[in-house]
Amino acid sequence: MSLILHTCRICGFYDEEYYPWGEDGESPTYDICDYCGVEFGYEDCNLNSIRSYRKTWMHSVKYLSEPRFKTWLINIDDKYK
């Protein structure tokens, strides 16, 4: 099973028991990410949106104040370039 199915497309948060876009990767939950605040299935539905929200996330005080968030992005960076 792909790890990307368990990962927020914006901030890279990973939870092995959660599927932000459903188990099939095509059925979003429309939940809000606890870390970056993106709404799965709305604000992360295409590559341009992912890039835009990720840029906003990377300039946020929350992102800049917590080193682990940078590690999360490194883990998914190649998936959404």
PDB file of N, CA and C in Angstrom:
ATOM      1  N   MET A   1       0.840  -1.180   0.000  1.00  0.00           N
ATOM      2  CA  MET A   1       0.000   0.000   0.000  1.00  0.00           C
ATOM      3  C   MET A   1       0.885   1.243   0.000  1.00  0.00           C
ATOM      4  N   SER A   2       0.479   2.228  -0.740  1.00  0.00           N
ATOM      5  CA  SER A   2       1.249   3.454  -0.869  1.00  0.00           C
ATOM      6  C   SER A   2       1.165   4.317   0.387  1.00  0.00           C
ATOM      7  N   LEU A   3       2.305   4.771   0.863  1.00  0.00           N
ATOM      8  CA  LEU A   3       2.343   5.651   2.032  1.00  0.00           C
ATOM      9  C   LEU A   3       1.680   6.989   1.747  1.00  0.00           C
ATOM     10  N   ILE A   4       1.682   7.413   0.489  1.00  0.00           N
ATOM     11  CA  ILE A   4       1.116   8.706   0.132  1.00  0.00           C
ATOM     12  C   ILE A   4      -0.390   8.751   0.410  1.00  0.00           C
ATOM     13  N   LEU A   5      -1.058   7.613   0.445  1.00  0.00           N
ATOM     14  CA  LEU A   5      -2.493   7.568   0.757  1.00  0.00           C
ATOM     15  C   LEU A   5      -2.783   8.001   2.187  1.00  0.00           C
ATOM     16  N   HIS A   6      -1.778   7.956   3.039  1.00  0.00           N
ATOM     17  CA  HIS A   6      -1.932   8.299   4.458  1.00  0.00           C
ATOM     18  C   HIS A   6      -1.372   9.688   4.783  1.00  0.00           C
ATOM     19  N   THR A   7      -1.040  10.467   3.768  1.00  0.00           N
ATOM     20  CA  THR A   7      -0.271  11.692   3.958  1.00  0.00           C
ATOM     21  C   THR A   7      -1.012  12.932   3.466  1.00  0.00           C
ATOM     22  N   CYS A   8      -0.931  14.015   4.240  1.00  0.00           N
ATOM     23  CA  CYS A   8      -1.477  15.301   3.802  1.00  0.00           C
ATOM     24  C   CYS A   8      -0.643  15.801   2.630  1.00  0.00           C
ATOM     25  N   ARG A   9      -1.306  16.191   1.559  1.00  0.00           N
ATOM     26  CA  ARG A   9      -0.616  16.646   0.356  1.00  0.00           C
ATOM     27  C   ARG A   9       0.051  18.011   0.524  1.00  0.00           C
ATOM     28  N   ILE A  10      -0.334  18.743   1.534  1.00  0.00           N
ATOM     29  CA  ILE A  10       0.225  20.077   1.743  1.00  0.00           C
ATOM     30  C   ILE A  10       1.400  20.045   2.719  1.00  0.00           C
ATOM     31  N   CYS A  11       1.180  19.539   3.926  1.00  0.00           N
ATOM     32  CA  CYS A  11       2.224  19.621   4.962  1.00  0.00           C
ATOM     33  C   CYS A  11       3.010  18.325   5.153  1.00  0.00           C
ATOM     34  N   GLY A  12       2.501  17.213   4.639  1.00  0.00           N
ATOM     35  CA  GLY A  12       3.219  15.953   4.768  1.00  0.00           C
ATOM     36  C   GLY A  12       2.903  15.157   6.015  1.00  0.00           C
ATOM     37  N   PHE A  13       1.933  15.610   6.820  1.00  0.00           N
ATOM     38  CA  PHE A  13       1.564  14.840   8.011  1.00  0.00           C
ATOM     39  C   PHE A  13       1.161  13.432   7.594  1.00  0.00           C
ATOM     40  N   TYR A  14       1.666  12.440   8.331  1.00  0.00           N
ATOM     41  CA  TYR A  14       1.423  11.030   8.024  1.00  0.00           C
ATOM     42  C   TYR A  14       0.755  10.345   9.208  1.00  0.00           C
ATOM     43  N   ASP A  15      -0.283   9.584   8.918  1.00  0.00           N
ATOM     44  CA  ASP A  15      -0.962   8.769   9.935  1.00  0.00           C
ATOM     45  C   ASP A  15      -1.351   7.456   9.269  1.00  0.00           C
ATOM     46  N   GLU A  16      -0.755   6.362   9.718  1.00  0.00           N
ATOM     47  CA  GLU A  16      -0.984   5.071   9.055  1.00  0.00           C
ATOM     48  C   GLU A  16      -2.420   4.568   9.172  1.00  0.00           C
ATOM     49  N   GLU A  17      -3.213   5.169  10.043  1.00  0.00           N
ATOM     50  CA  GLU A  17      -4.601   4.732  10.204  1.00  0.00           C
ATOM     51  C   GLU A  17      -5.603   5.684   9.555  1.00  0.00           C
ATOM     52  N   TYR A  18      -5.127   6.695   8.851  1.00  0.00           N
ATOM     53  CA  TYR A  18      -6.019   7.693   8.270  1.00  0.00           C
ATOM     54  C   TYR A  18      -5.756   7.848   6.775  1.00  0.00           C
ATOM     55  N   TYR A  19      -6.810   8.013   6.019  1.00  0.00           N
ATOM     56  CA  TYR A  19      -6.729   8.194   4.572  1.00  0.00           C
ATOM     57  C   TYR A  19      -7.400   9.515   4.194  1.00  0.00           C
ATOM     58  N   PRO A  20      -6.661  10.633   4.079  1.00  0.00           N
ATOM     59  CA  PRO A  20      -7.280  11.917   3.748  1.00  0.00           C
ATOM     60  C   PRO A  20      -8.068  11.890   2.439  1.00  0.00           C
ATOM     61  N   TRP A  21      -7.640  11.050   1.510  1.00  0.00           N
ATOM     62  CA  TRP A  21      -8.308  10.924   0.213  1.00  0.00           C
ATOM     63  C   TRP A  21      -8.921   9.529   0.040  1.00  0.00           C
ATOM     64  N   GLY A  22      -9.294   8.893   1.125  1.00  0.00           N
ATOM     65  CA  GLY A  22      -9.913   7.571   1.066  1.00  0.00           C
ATOM     66  C   GLY A  22      -8.911   6.484   0.744  1.00  0.00           C
ATOM     67  N   GLU A  23      -9.312   5.264   0.964  1.00  0.00           N
ATOM     68  CA  GLU A  23      -8.423   4.124   0.704  1.00  0.00           C
ATOM     69  C   GLU A  23      -8.101   3.966  -0.770  1.00  0.00           C
ATOM     70  N   ASP A  24      -8.975   4.482  -1.641  1.00  0.00           N
ATOM     71  CA  ASP A  24      -8.723   4.387  -3.077  1.00  0.00           C
ATOM     72  C   ASP A  24      -7.923   5.573  -3.613  1.00  0.00           C
ATOM     73  N   GLY A  25      -7.670   6.577  -2.755  1.00  0.00           N
ATOM     74  CA  GLY A  25      -6.925   7.756  -3.173  1.00  0.00           C
ATOM     75  C   GLY A  25      -7.728   8.717  -4.022  1.00  0.00           C
ATOM     76  N   GLU A  26      -9.029   8.461  -4.169  1.00  0.00           N
ATOM     77  CA  GLU A  26      -9.877   9.287  -5.030  1.00  0.00           C
ATOM     78  C   GLU A  26     -11.159   9.762  -4.355  1.00  0.00           C
ATOM     79  N   SER A  27     -11.343   9.441  -3.088  1.00  0.00           N
ATOM     80  CA  SER A  27     -12.576   9.781  -2.366  1.00  0.00           C
ATOM     81  C   SER A  27     -12.225  10.597  -1.124  1.00  0.00           C
ATOM     82  N   PRO A  28     -12.054  11.914  -1.280  1.00  0.00           N
ATOM     83  CA  PRO A  28     -11.607  12.738  -0.154  1.00  0.00           C
ATOM     84  C   PRO A  28     -12.597  12.768   1.001  1.00  0.00           C
ATOM     85  N   THR A  29     -12.067  12.967   2.189  1.00  0.00           N
ATOM     86  CA  THR A  29     -12.897  13.013   3.396  1.00  0.00           C
ATOM     87  C   THR A  29     -13.462  14.403   3.651  1.00  0.00           C
ATOM     88  N   TYR A  30     -12.866  15.419   3.068  1.00  0.00           N
ATOM     89  CA  TYR A  30     -13.223  16.824   3.313  1.00  0.00           C
ATOM     90  C   TYR A  30     -12.985  17.226   4.765  1.00  0.00           C
ATOM     91  N   ASP A  31     -12.169  16.444   5.469  1.00  0.00           N
ATOM     92  CA  ASP A  31     -11.735  16.814   6.816  1.00  0.00           C
ATOM     93  C   ASP A  31     -10.699  17.931   6.706  1.00  0.00           C
ATOM     94  N   ILE A  32     -10.413  18.557   7.825  1.00  0.00           N
ATOM     95  CA  ILE A  32      -9.403  19.613   7.894  1.00  0.00           C
ATOM     96  C   ILE A  32      -8.144  19.047   8.549  1.00  0.00           C
ATOM     97  N   CYS A  33      -6.994  19.262   7.925  1.00  0.00           N
ATOM     98  CA  CYS A  33      -5.722  18.808   8.500  1.00  0.00           C
ATOM     99  C   CYS A  33      -5.467  19.547   9.806  1.00  0.00           C
ATOM    100  N   ASP A  34      -5.142  18.798  10.842  1.00  0.00           N
ATOM    101  CA  ASP A  34      -4.869  19.387  12.157  1.00  0.00           C
ATOM    102  C   ASP A  34      -3.623  20.269  12.162  1.00  0.00           C
ATOM    103  N   TYR A  35      -2.753  20.092  11.205  1.00  0.00           N
ATOM    104  CA  TYR A  35      -1.485  20.814  11.209  1.00  0.00           C
ATOM    105  C   TYR A  35      -1.489  22.031  10.290  1.00  0.00           C
ATOM    106  N   CYS A  36      -1.802  21.849   9.012  1.00  0.00           N
ATOM    107  CA  CYS A  36      -1.733  22.978   8.077  1.00  0.00           C
ATOM    108  C   CYS A  36      -3.087  23.623   7.805  1.00  0.00           C
ATOM    109  N   GLY A  37      -4.175  22.954   8.180  1.00  0.00           N
ATOM    110  CA  GLY A  37      -5.507  23.523   8.028  1.00  0.00           C
ATOM    111  C   GLY A  37      -6.139  23.355   6.661  1.00  0.00           C
ATOM    112  N   VAL A  38      -5.512  22.607   5.769  1.00  0.00           N
ATOM    113  CA  VAL A  38      -6.087  22.383   4.444  1.00  0.00           C
ATOM    114  C   VAL A  38      -7.326  21.490   4.550  1.00  0.00           C
ATOM    115  N   GLU A  39      -8.284  21.710   3.664  1.00  0.00           N
ATOM    116  CA  GLU A  39      -9.452  20.829   3.590  1.00  0.00           C
ATOM    117  C   GLU A  39      -9.185  19.795   2.506  1.00  0.00           C
ATOM    118  N   PHE A  40      -9.089  18.530   2.912  1.00  0.00           N
ATOM    119  CA  PHE A  40      -8.808  17.454   1.965  1.00  0.00           C
ATOM    120  C   PHE A  40      -9.939  17.359   0.938  1.00  0.00           C
ATOM    121  N   GLY A  41      -9.556  17.348  -0.325  1.00  0.00           N
ATOM    122  CA  GLY A  41     -10.531  17.222  -1.393  1.00  0.00           C
ATOM    123  C   GLY A  41     -11.000  18.544  -1.957  1.00  0.00           C
ATOM    124  N   TYR A  42     -10.630  19.629  -1.318  1.00  0.00           N
ATOM    125  CA  TYR A  42     -11.025  20.945  -1.817  1.00  0.00           C
ATOM    126  C   TYR A  42      -9.791  21.790  -2.119  1.00  0.00           C
ATOM    127  N   GLU A  43      -8.960  21.981  -1.116  1.00  0.00           N
ATOM    128  CA  GLU A  43      -7.794  22.840  -1.275  1.00  0.00           C
ATOM    129  C   GLU A  43      -6.554  22.081  -1.746  1.00  0.00           C
ATOM    130  N   ASP A  44      -6.658  20.781  -1.884  1.00  0.00           N
ATOM    131  CA  ASP A  44      -5.518  19.970  -2.336  1.00  0.00           C
ATOM    132  C   ASP A  44      -5.902  19.081  -3.516  1.00  0.00           C
ATOM    133  N   CYS A  45      -6.800  19.587  -4.365  1.00  0.00           N
ATOM    134  CA  CYS A  45      -7.369  18.735  -5.414  1.00  0.00           C
ATOM    135  C   CYS A  45      -6.592  18.747  -6.727  1.00  0.00           C
ATOM    136  N   ASN A  46      -5.653  19.674  -6.905  1.00  0.00           N
ATOM    137  CA  ASN A  46      -4.834  19.663  -8.114  1.00  0.00           C
ATOM    138  C   ASN A  46      -3.442  20.201  -7.790  1.00  0.00           C
ATOM    139  N   LEU A  47      -2.531  19.999  -8.699  1.00  0.00           N
ATOM    140  CA  LEU A  47      -1.130  20.342  -8.449  1.00  0.00           C
ATOM    141  C   LEU A  47      -0.926  21.837  -8.197  1.00  0.00           C
ATOM    142  N   ASN A  48      -1.611  22.696  -8.942  1.00  0.00           N
ATOM    143  CA  ASN A  48      -1.463  24.138  -8.722  1.00  0.00           C
ATOM    144  C   ASN A  48      -1.932  24.540  -7.333  1.00  0.00           C
ATOM    145  N   SER A  49      -3.027  23.963  -6.894  1.00  0.00           N
ATOM    146  CA  SER A  49      -3.555  24.245  -5.560  1.00  0.00           C
ATOM    147  C   SER A  49      -2.598  23.736  -4.481  1.00  0.00           C
ATOM    148  N   ILE A  50      -2.065  22.549  -4.678  1.00  0.00           N
ATOM    149  CA  ILE A  50      -1.100  21.987  -3.727  1.00  0.00           C
ATOM    150  C   ILE A  50       0.109  22.910  -3.606  1.00  0.00           C
ATOM    151  N   ARG A  51       0.631  23.360  -4.725  1.00  0.00           N
ATOM    152  CA  ARG A  51       1.793  24.258  -4.708  1.00  0.00           C
ATOM    153  C   ARG A  51       1.475  25.568  -3.992  1.00  0.00           C
ATOM    154  N   SER A  52       0.313  26.126  -4.277  1.00  0.00           N
ATOM    155  CA  SER A  52      -0.082  27.394  -3.669  1.00  0.00           C
ATOM    156  C   SER A  52      -0.255  27.271  -2.155  1.00  0.00           C
ATOM    157  N   TYR A  53      -0.988  26.263  -1.724  1.00  0.00           N
ATOM    158  CA  TYR A  53      -1.203  26.074  -0.284  1.00  0.00           C
ATOM    159  C   TYR A  53       0.083  25.673   0.431  1.00  0.00           C
ATOM    160  N   ARG A  54       0.930  24.911  -0.251  1.00  0.00           N
ATOM    161  CA  ARG A  54       2.201  24.550   0.370  1.00  0.00           C
ATOM    162  C   ARG A  54       3.079  25.789   0.563  1.00  0.00           C
ATOM    163  N   LYS A  55       3.094  26.673  -0.410  1.00  0.00           N
ATOM    164  CA  LYS A  55       3.873  27.909  -0.284  1.00  0.00           C
ATOM    165  C   LYS A  55       3.368  28.729   0.907  1.00  0.00           C
ATOM    166  N   THR A  56       2.056  28.846   1.030  1.00  0.00           N
ATOM    167  CA  THR A  56       1.470  29.560   2.168  1.00  0.00           C
ATOM    168  C   THR A  56       1.856  28.885   3.473  1.00  0.00           C
ATOM    169  N   TRP A  57       1.763  27.557   3.506  1.00  0.00           N
ATOM    170  CA  TRP A  57       2.119  26.782   4.699  1.00  0.00           C
ATOM    171  C   TRP A  57       3.574  27.009   5.086  1.00  0.00           C
ATOM    172  N   MET A  58       4.460  26.999   4.099  1.00  0.00           N
ATOM    173  CA  MET A  58       5.889  27.131   4.376  1.00  0.00           C
ATOM    174  C   MET A  58       6.275  28.525   4.871  1.00  0.00           C
ATOM    175  N   HIS A  59       5.419  29.498   4.702  1.00  0.00           N
ATOM    176  CA  HIS A  59       5.675  30.849   5.199  1.00  0.00           C
ATOM    177  C   HIS A  59       4.905  31.148   6.480  1.00  0.00           C
ATOM    178  N   SER A  60       4.192  30.174   6.980  1.00  0.00           N
ATOM    179  CA  SER A  60       3.393  30.390   8.190  1.00  0.00           C
ATOM    180  C   SER A  60       4.267  30.326   9.447  1.00  0.00           C
ATOM    181  N   VAL A  61       3.829  31.015  10.467  1.00  0.00           N
ATOM    182  CA  VAL A  61       4.541  31.012  11.750  1.00  0.00           C
ATOM    183  C   VAL A  61       4.595  29.595  12.319  1.00  0.00           C
ATOM    184  N   LYS A  62       3.518  28.867  12.197  1.00  0.00           N
ATOM    185  CA  LYS A  62       3.468  27.498  12.726  1.00  0.00           C
ATOM    186  C   LYS A  62       4.542  26.626  12.075  1.00  0.00           C
ATOM    187  N   TYR A  63       4.640  26.675  10.746  1.00  0.00           N
ATOM    188  CA  TYR A  63       5.640  25.885  10.028  1.00  0.00           C
ATOM    189  C   TYR A  63       7.057  26.285  10.442  1.00  0.00           C
ATOM    190  N   LEU A  64       7.306  27.569  10.474  1.00  0.00           N
ATOM    191  CA  LEU A  64       8.649  28.070  10.768  1.00  0.00           C
ATOM    192  C   LEU A  64       9.076  27.833  12.211  1.00  0.00           C
ATOM    193  N   SER A  65       8.125  27.611  13.102  1.00  0.00           N
ATOM    194  CA  SER A  65       8.460  27.442  14.519  1.00  0.00           C
ATOM    195  C   SER A  65       8.659  25.984  14.940  1.00  0.00           C
ATOM    196  N   GLU A  66       8.437  25.056  14.032  1.00  0.00           N
ATOM    197  CA  GLU A  66       8.510  23.636  14.398  1.00  0.00           C
ATOM    198  C   GLU A  66       9.359  22.861  13.386  1.00  0.00           C
ATOM    199  N   PRO A  67      10.587  22.455  13.737  1.00  0.00           N
ATOM    200  CA  PRO A  67      11.487  21.767  12.809  1.00  0.00           C
ATOM    201  C   PRO A  67      10.925  20.480  12.200  1.00  0.00           C
ATOM    202  N   ARG A  68      10.076  19.772  12.906  1.00  0.00           N
ATOM    203  CA  ARG A  68       9.569  18.494  12.369  1.00  0.00           C
ATOM    204  C   ARG A  68       8.750  18.693  11.101  1.00  0.00           C
ATOM    205  N   PHE A  69       8.140  19.872  10.934  1.00  0.00           N
ATOM    206  CA  PHE A  69       7.341  20.115   9.738  1.00  0.00           C
ATOM    207  C   PHE A  69       8.208  20.111   8.483  1.00  0.00           C
ATOM    208  N   LYS A  70       9.433  20.580   8.581  1.00  0.00           N
ATOM    209  CA  LYS A  70      10.347  20.561   7.439  1.00  0.00           C
ATOM    210  C   LYS A  70      10.687  19.125   7.059  1.00  0.00           C
ATOM    211  N   THR A  71      10.846  18.268   8.050  1.00  0.00           N
ATOM    212  CA  THR A  71      11.118  16.852   7.800  1.00  0.00           C
ATOM    213  C   THR A  71       9.948  16.203   7.075  1.00  0.00           C
ATOM    214  N   TRP A  72       8.738  16.538   7.476  1.00  0.00           N
ATOM    215  CA  TRP A  72       7.556  15.972   6.814  1.00  0.00           C
ATOM    216  C   TRP A  72       7.552  16.323   5.331  1.00  0.00           C
ATOM    217  N   LEU A  73       7.880  17.570   4.997  1.00  0.00           N
ATOM    218  CA  LEU A  73       7.879  17.984   3.595  1.00  0.00           C
ATOM    219  C   LEU A  73       8.961  17.287   2.797  1.00  0.00           C
ATOM    220  N   ILE A  74      10.107  17.075   3.402  1.00  0.00           N
ATOM    221  CA  ILE A  74      11.180  16.361   2.710  1.00  0.00           C
ATOM    222  C   ILE A  74      10.693  14.981   2.284  1.00  0.00           C
ATOM    223  N   ASN A  75       9.892  14.349   3.124  1.00  0.00           N
ATOM    224  CA  ASN A  75       9.404  13.001   2.839  1.00  0.00           C
ATOM    225  C   ASN A  75       8.425  12.938   1.673  1.00  0.00           C
ATOM    226  N   ILE A  76       7.743  14.036   1.345  1.00  0.00           N
ATOM    227  CA  ILE A  76       6.771  14.003   0.247  1.00  0.00           C
ATOM    228  C   ILE A  76       7.119  14.940  -0.896  1.00  0.00           C
ATOM    229  N   ASP A  77       8.195  15.673  -0.788  1.00  0.00           N
ATOM    230  CA  ASP A  77       8.523  16.717  -1.754  1.00  0.00           C
ATOM    231  C   ASP A  77       8.540  16.225  -3.196  1.00  0.00           C
ATOM    232  N   ASP A  78       9.089  15.068  -3.461  1.00  0.00           N
ATOM    233  CA  ASP A  78       9.183  14.553  -4.827  1.00  0.00           C
ATOM    234  C   ASP A  78       7.827  14.166  -5.416  1.00  0.00           C
ATOM    235  N   LYS A  79       6.852  13.919  -4.574  1.00  0.00           N
ATOM    236  CA  LYS A  79       5.546  13.468  -5.055  1.00  0.00           C
ATOM    237  C   LYS A  79       4.737  14.583  -5.713  1.00  0.00           C
ATOM    238  N   TYR A  80       4.955  15.833  -5.270  1.00  0.00           N
ATOM    239  CA  TYR A  80       4.115  16.940  -5.738  1.00  0.00           C
ATOM    240  C   TYR A  80       4.923  18.120  -6.248  1.00  0.00           C
ATOM    241  N   LYS A  81       5.856  17.868  -7.135  1.00  0.00           N
ATOM    242  CA  LYS A  81       6.648  18.961  -7.725  1.00  0.00           C
ATOM    243  C   LYS A  81       6.019  19.392  -9.020  1.00  0.00           C
TER     244      LYS A  81
END
